[in-house]
Every structure is written in C-alpha cells, then in structure tokens.
PDB file of all heavy atoms in Angstrom:
ATOM      1  N   ASP A   1      22.478   1.403 -10.307  1.00  0.00           N
ATOM      2  CA  ASP A   1      22.960   0.660  -9.143  1.00  0.00           C
ATOM      3  C   ASP A   1      22.098   0.953  -7.922  1.00  0.00           C
ATOM      4  O   ASP A   1      21.781   0.042  -7.163  1.00  0.00           O
ATOM      5  CB  ASP A   1      24.424   1.015  -8.851  1.00  0.00           C
ATOM      6  CG  ASP A   1      25.120  -0.057  -8.041  1.00  0.00           C
ATOM      7  OD1 ASP A   1      25.185  -1.206  -8.529  1.00  0.00           O
ATOM      8  OD2 ASP A   1      25.603   0.236  -6.933  1.00  0.00           O
ATOM      9  N   ARG A   2      21.742   2.215  -7.743  1.00  0.00           N
ATOM     10  CA  ARG A   2      20.952   2.602  -6.577  1.00  0.00           C
ATOM     11  C   ARG A   2      19.458   2.671  -6.886  1.00  0.00           C
ATOM     12  O   ARG A   2      18.630   2.652  -5.974  1.00  0.00           O
ATOM     13  CB  ARG A   2      21.443   3.946  -6.050  1.00  0.00           C
ATOM     14  CG  ARG A   2      22.871   3.867  -5.538  1.00  0.00           C
ATOM     15  CD  ARG A   2      23.465   5.205  -5.196  1.00  0.00           C
ATOM     16  NE  ARG A   2      24.803   5.047  -4.628  1.00  0.00           N
ATOM     17  CZ  ARG A   2      25.675   6.023  -4.444  1.00  0.00           C
ATOM     18  NH1 ARG A   2      25.341   7.263  -4.767  1.00  0.00           N
ATOM     19  NH2 ARG A   2      26.861   5.791  -3.934  1.00  0.00           N
ATOM     20  N   ASN A   3      19.128   2.781  -8.168  1.00  0.00           N
ATOM     21  CA  ASN A   3      17.735   2.834  -8.616  1.00  0.00           C
ATOM     22  C   ASN A   3      17.564   1.856  -9.780  1.00  0.00           C
ATOM     23  O   ASN A   3      18.456   1.079 -10.075  1.00  0.00           O
ATOM     24  CB  ASN A   3      17.361   4.265  -9.023  1.00  0.00           C
ATOM     25  CG  ASN A   3      17.386   5.222  -7.840  1.00  0.00           C
ATOM     26  OD1 ASN A   3      16.494   5.199  -7.004  1.00  0.00           O
ATOM     27  ND2 ASN A   3      18.420   6.058  -7.760  1.00  0.00           N
ATOM     28  N   GLY A   4      16.399   1.902 -10.417  1.00  0.00           N
ATOM     29  CA  GLY A   4      16.173   1.017 -11.547  1.00  0.00           C
ATOM     30  C   GLY A   4      16.331  -0.441 -11.130  1.00  0.00           C
ATOM     31  O   GLY A   4      15.643  -0.902 -10.202  1.00  0.00           O
ATOM     32  N   PRO A   5      17.236  -1.173 -11.778  1.00  0.00           N
ATOM     33  CA  PRO A   5      17.428  -2.584 -11.397  1.00  0.00           C
ATOM     34  C   PRO A   5      18.052  -2.772 -10.024  1.00  0.00           C
ATOM     35  O   PRO A   5      18.059  -3.884  -9.499  1.00  0.00           O
ATOM     36  CB  PRO A   5      18.356  -3.117 -12.501  1.00  0.00           C
ATOM     37  CG  PRO A   5      19.074  -1.908 -13.018  1.00  0.00           C
ATOM     38  CD  PRO A   5      18.078  -0.782 -12.927  1.00  0.00           C
ATOM     39  N   CYS A   6      18.601  -1.707  -9.457  1.00  0.00           N
ATOM     40  CA  CYS A   6      19.241  -1.763  -8.124  1.00  0.00           C
ATOM     41  C   CYS A   6      20.250  -2.905  -8.046  1.00  0.00           C
ATOM     42  O   CYS A   6      20.126  -3.812  -7.214  1.00  0.00           O
ATOM     43  CB  CYS A   6      18.191  -1.893  -7.024  1.00  0.00           C
ATOM     44  SG  CYS A   6      17.154  -0.434  -6.823  1.00  0.00           S
ATOM     45  N   ILE A   7      21.253  -2.840  -8.902  1.00  0.00           N
ATOM     46  CA  ILE A   7      22.265  -3.892  -8.925  1.00  0.00           C
ATOM     47  C   ILE A   7      22.991  -3.975  -7.588  1.00  0.00           C
ATOM     48  O   ILE A   7      23.374  -5.049  -7.137  1.00  0.00           O
ATOM     49  CB  ILE A   7      23.247  -3.650 -10.090  1.00  0.00           C
ATOM     50  CG1 ILE A   7      22.487  -3.787 -11.424  1.00  0.00           C
ATOM     51  CG2 ILE A   7      24.411  -4.642 -10.050  1.00  0.00           C
ATOM     52  CD1 ILE A   7      23.260  -3.251 -12.619  1.00  0.00           C
ATOM     53  N   ASN A   8      23.187  -2.829  -6.936  1.00  0.00           N
ATOM     54  CA  ASN A   8      23.748  -2.793  -5.582  1.00  0.00           C
ATOM     55  C   ASN A   8      25.193  -3.292  -5.564  1.00  0.00           C
ATOM     56  O   ASN A   8      25.563  -4.146  -4.760  1.00  0.00           O
ATOM     57  CB  ASN A   8      22.876  -3.617  -4.624  1.00  0.00           C
ATOM     58  CG  ASN A   8      23.174  -3.342  -3.162  1.00  0.00           C
ATOM     59  OD1 ASN A   8      23.678  -2.279  -2.808  1.00  0.00           O
ATOM     60  ND2 ASN A   8      22.897  -4.316  -2.305  1.00  0.00           N
ATOM     61  N   SER A   9      26.014  -2.712  -6.434  1.00  0.00           N
ATOM     62  CA  SER A   9      27.420  -3.123  -6.516  1.00  0.00           C
ATOM     63  C   SER A   9      28.391  -2.106  -5.929  1.00  0.00           C
ATOM     64  O   SER A   9      29.572  -2.421  -5.752  1.00  0.00           O
ATOM     65  CB  SER A   9      27.795  -3.373  -7.982  1.00  0.00           C
ATOM     66  OG  SER A   9      27.787  -2.167  -8.735  1.00  0.00           O
ATOM     67  N   ILE A  10      27.927  -0.896  -5.651  1.00  0.00           N
ATOM     68  CA  ILE A  10      28.795   0.182  -5.162  1.00  0.00           C
ATOM     69  C   ILE A  10      28.401   0.558  -3.737  1.00  0.00           C
ATOM     70  O   ILE A  10      27.247   0.927  -3.480  1.00  0.00           O
ATOM     71  CB  ILE A  10      28.708   1.427  -6.075  1.00  0.00           C
ATOM     72  CG1 ILE A  10      29.087   1.072  -7.519  1.00  0.00           C
ATOM     73  CG2 ILE A  10      29.598   2.544  -5.538  1.00  0.00           C
ATOM     74  CD1 ILE A  10      30.535   0.642  -7.696  1.00  0.00           C
ATOM     75  N   ILE A  11      29.358   0.464  -2.816  1.00  0.00           N
ATOM     76  CA  ILE A  11      29.087   0.826  -1.423  1.00  0.00           C
ATOM     77  C   ILE A  11      29.193   2.339  -1.233  1.00  0.00           C
ATOM     78  O   ILE A  11      28.350   2.954  -0.576  1.00  0.00           O
ATOM     79  CB  ILE A  11      30.054   0.101  -0.470  1.00  0.00           C
ATOM     80  CG1 ILE A  11      29.704  -1.388  -0.432  1.00  0.00           C
ATOM     81  CG2 ILE A  11      30.002   0.687   0.939  1.00  0.00           C
ATOM     82  CD1 ILE A  11      30.592  -2.217   0.480  1.00  0.00           C
ATOM     83  N   SER A  12      30.237   2.944  -1.807  1.00  0.00           N
ATOM     84  CA  SER A  12      30.415   4.389  -1.655  1.00  0.00           C
ATOM     85  C   SER A  12      31.050   4.953  -2.911  1.00  0.00           C
ATOM     86  O   SER A  12      31.751   4.242  -3.636  1.00  0.00           O
ATOM     87  CB  SER A  12      31.296   4.707  -0.442  1.00  0.00           C
ATOM     88  OG  SER A  12      32.600   4.170  -0.597  1.00  0.00           O
ATOM     89  N   THR A  13      30.791   6.230  -3.169  1.00  0.00           N
ATOM     90  CA  THR A  13      31.462   6.925  -4.262  1.00  0.00           C
ATOM     91  C   THR A  13      32.426   7.951  -3.671  1.00  0.00           C
ATOM     92  O   THR A  13      32.273   8.390  -2.535  1.00  0.00           O
ATOM     93  CB  THR A  13      30.454   7.621  -5.198  1.00  0.00           C
ATOM     94  OG1 THR A  13      29.606   8.481  -4.431  1.00  0.00           O
ATOM     95  CG2 THR A  13      29.610   6.603  -5.941  1.00  0.00           C
ATOM     96  N   ASN A  14      33.394   8.305  -4.467  1.00  0.00           N
ATOM     97  CA  ASN A  14      34.464   9.183  -4.010  1.00  0.00           C
ATOM     98  C   ASN A  14      34.001  10.642  -4.046  1.00  0.00           C
ATOM     99  O   ASN A  14      33.723  11.178  -5.130  1.00  0.00           O
ATOM    100  CB  ASN A  14      35.690   8.997  -4.905  1.00  0.00           C
ATOM    101  CG  ASN A  14      36.920   9.704  -4.375  1.00  0.00           C
ATOM    102  OD1 ASN A  14      36.836  10.607  -3.562  1.00  0.00           O
ATOM    103  ND2 ASN A  14      38.083   9.289  -4.859  1.00  0.00           N
ATOM    104  N   PRO A  15      33.919  11.314  -2.904  1.00  0.00           N
ATOM    105  CA  PRO A  15      33.460  12.707  -2.902  1.00  0.00           C
ATOM    106  C   PRO A  15      34.423  13.657  -3.598  1.00  0.00           C
ATOM    107  O   PRO A  15      34.051  14.787  -3.917  1.00  0.00           O
ATOM    108  CB  PRO A  15      33.343  13.030  -1.407  1.00  0.00           C
ATOM    109  CG  PRO A  15      34.292  12.099  -0.731  1.00  0.00           C
ATOM    110  CD  PRO A  15      34.250  10.828  -1.545  1.00  0.00           C
ATOM    111  N   ARG A  16      35.653  13.203  -3.863  1.00  0.00           N
ATOM    112  CA  ARG A  16      36.639  14.052  -4.530  1.00  0.00           C
ATOM    113  C   ARG A  16      36.907  13.629  -5.966  1.00  0.00           C
ATOM    114  O   ARG A  16      37.852  14.119  -6.581  1.00  0.00           O
ATOM    115  CB  ARG A  16      37.938  14.030  -3.722  1.00  0.00           C
ATOM    116  CG  ARG A  16      37.813  14.682  -2.346  1.00  0.00           C
ATOM    117  CD  ARG A  16      39.093  14.607  -1.543  1.00  0.00           C
ATOM    118  NE  ARG A  16      40.229  15.186  -2.261  1.00  0.00           N
ATOM    119  CZ  ARG A  16      41.495  15.079  -1.855  1.00  0.00           C
ATOM    120  NH1 ARG A  16      41.775  14.414  -0.746  1.00  0.00           N
ATOM    121  NH2 ARG A  16      42.462  15.639  -2.550  1.00  0.00           N
ATOM    122  N   ALA A  17      36.072  12.757  -6.512  1.00  0.00           N
ATOM    123  CA  ALA A  17      36.336  12.249  -7.856  1.00  0.00           C
ATOM    124  C   ALA A  17      36.287  13.359  -8.911  1.00  0.00           C
ATOM    125  O   ALA A  17      37.142  13.421  -9.802  1.00  0.00           O
ATOM    126  CB  ALA A  17      35.338  11.146  -8.199  1.00  0.00           C
ATOM    127  N   LEU A  18      35.299  14.238  -8.813  1.00  0.00           N
ATOM    128  CA  LEU A  18      35.202  15.319  -9.796  1.00  0.00           C
ATOM    129  C   LEU A  18      36.353  16.304  -9.637  1.00  0.00           C
ATOM    130  O   LEU A  18      36.882  16.829 -10.633  1.00  0.00           O
ATOM    131  CB  LEU A  18      33.859  16.030  -9.666  1.00  0.00           C
ATOM    132  CG  LEU A  18      32.643  15.222 -10.118  1.00  0.00           C
ATOM    133  CD1 LEU A  18      31.355  15.910  -9.703  1.00  0.00           C
ATOM    134  CD2 LEU A  18      32.678  14.995 -11.627  1.00  0.00           C
ATOM    135  N   GLU A  19      36.764  16.546  -8.406  1.00  0.00           N
ATOM    136  CA  GLU A  19      37.918  17.420  -8.154  1.00  0.00           C
ATOM    137  C   GLU A  19      39.188  16.827  -8.771  1.00  0.00           C
ATOM    138  O   GLU A  19      39.992  17.542  -9.381  1.00  0.00           O
ATOM    139  CB  GLU A  19      38.077  17.582  -6.641  1.00  0.00           C
ATOM    140  CG  GLU A  19      39.278  18.385  -6.199  1.00  0.00           C
ATOM    141  CD  GLU A  19      39.438  18.370  -4.690  1.00  0.00           C
ATOM    142  OE1 GLU A  19      38.415  18.291  -3.976  1.00  0.00           O
ATOM    143  OE2 GLU A  19      40.584  18.435  -4.212  1.00  0.00           O
ATOM    144  N   GLU A  20      39.360  15.523  -8.623  1.00  0.00           N
ATOM    145  CA  GLU A  20      40.513  14.858  -9.211  1.00  0.00           C
ATOM    146  C   GLU A  20      40.447  14.909 -10.739  1.00  0.00           C
ATOM    147  O   GLU A  20      41.460  15.101 -11.420  1.00  0.00           O
ATOM    148  CB  GLU A  20      40.586  13.409  -8.730  1.00  0.00           C
ATOM    149  CG  GLU A  20      41.731  12.590  -9.278  1.00  0.00           C
ATOM    150  CD  GLU A  20      43.107  13.102  -8.886  1.00  0.00           C
ATOM    151  OE1 GLU A  20      43.209  13.983  -8.008  1.00  0.00           O
ATOM    152  OE2 GLU A  20      44.093  12.634  -9.490  1.00  0.00           O
ATOM    153  N   ALA A  21      39.241  14.762 -11.280  1.00  0.00           N
ATOM    154  CA  ALA A  21      39.072  14.860 -12.730  1.00  0.00           C
ATOM    155  C   ALA A  21      39.455  16.256 -13.227  1.00  0.00           C
ATOM    156  O   ALA A  21      40.122  16.394 -14.272  1.00  0.00           O
ATOM    157  CB  ALA A  21      37.628  14.536 -13.097  1.00  0.00           C
ATOM    158  N   ASP A  22      39.049  17.278 -12.498  1.00  0.00           N
ATOM    159  CA  ASP A  22      39.424  18.647 -12.876  1.00  0.00           C
ATOM    160  C   ASP A  22      40.948  18.813 -12.882  1.00  0.00           C
ATOM    161  O   ASP A  22      41.513  19.466 -13.776  1.00  0.00           O
ATOM    162  CB  ASP A  22      38.798  19.651 -11.908  1.00  0.00           C
ATOM    163  CG  ASP A  22      37.301  19.805 -12.106  1.00  0.00           C
ATOM    164  OD1 ASP A  22      36.805  19.458 -13.197  1.00  0.00           O
ATOM    165  OD2 ASP A  22      36.629  20.267 -11.160  1.00  0.00           O
ATOM    166  N   ARG A  23      41.603  18.251 -11.880  1.00  0.00           N
ATOM    167  CA  ARG A  23      43.065  18.347 -11.815  1.00  0.00           C
ATOM    168  C   ARG A  23      43.711  17.684 -13.034  1.00  0.00           C
ATOM    169  O   ARG A  23      44.644  18.239 -13.641  1.00  0.00           O
ATOM    170  CB  ARG A  23      43.581  17.681 -10.538  1.00  0.00           C
ATOM    171  CG  ARG A  23      45.091  17.826 -10.325  1.00  0.00           C
ATOM    172  CD  ARG A  23      45.583  17.012  -9.149  1.00  0.00           C
ATOM    173  NE  ARG A  23      45.539  15.587  -9.408  1.00  0.00           N
ATOM    174  CZ  ARG A  23      46.467  14.920 -10.103  1.00  0.00           C
ATOM    175  NH1 ARG A  23      47.499  15.562 -10.640  1.00  0.00           N
ATOM    176  NH2 ARG A  23      46.349  13.615 -10.287  1.00  0.00           N
ATOM    177  N   LEU A  24      43.179  16.530 -13.415  1.00  0.00           N
ATOM    178  CA  LEU A  24      43.743  15.818 -14.569  1.00  0.00           C
ATOM    179  C   LEU A  24      43.424  16.544 -15.875  1.00  0.00           C
ATOM    180  O   LEU A  24      44.249  16.573 -16.797  1.00  0.00           O
ATOM    181  CB  LEU A  24      43.220  14.387 -14.599  1.00  0.00           C
ATOM    182  CG  LEU A  24      43.809  13.482 -13.502  1.00  0.00           C
ATOM    183  CD1 LEU A  24      42.993  12.202 -13.369  1.00  0.00           C
ATOM    184  CD2 LEU A  24      45.265  13.150 -13.809  1.00  0.00           C
ATOM    185  N   ASP A  25      42.243  17.152 -15.974  1.00  0.00           N
ATOM    186  CA  ASP A  25      41.922  17.935 -17.174  1.00  0.00           C
ATOM    187  C   ASP A  25      42.874  19.118 -17.307  1.00  0.00           C
ATOM    188  O   ASP A  25      43.345  19.431 -18.420  1.00  0.00           O
ATOM    189  CB  ASP A  25      40.472  18.432 -17.107  1.00  0.00           C
ATOM    190  CG  ASP A  25      39.461  17.333 -17.407  1.00  0.00           C
ATOM    191  OD1 ASP A  25      39.819  16.367 -18.118  1.00  0.00           O
ATOM    192  OD2 ASP A  25      38.307  17.434 -16.935  1.00  0.00           O
ATOM    193  N   ALA A  26      43.173  19.754 -16.192  1.00  0.00           N
ATOM    194  CA  ALA A  26      44.105  20.882 -16.228  1.00  0.00           C
ATOM    195  C   ALA A  26      45.506  20.415 -16.599  1.00  0.00           C
ATOM    196  O   ALA A  26      46.211  21.078 -17.384  1.00  0.00           O
ATOM    197  CB  ALA A  26      44.118  21.578 -14.868  1.00  0.00           C
TER     198      ALA A  26
END
C-alpha cells in the first residue's frame, strides 16, 4: 500500500493494534 504498487488505500494504522492482539491472545 505504501510501497511497491502503492495502492494508497490506508490513511492510518492503529498504533495499539498489536497491544489489542496481545490482549485477545491472552
């Protein structure tokens, strides 16, 4: 999205996404 073909579909990513994933894994 940001490199390669640069589809440019995502404006921002969630800075807490990995933290939320850890919570769900637990």
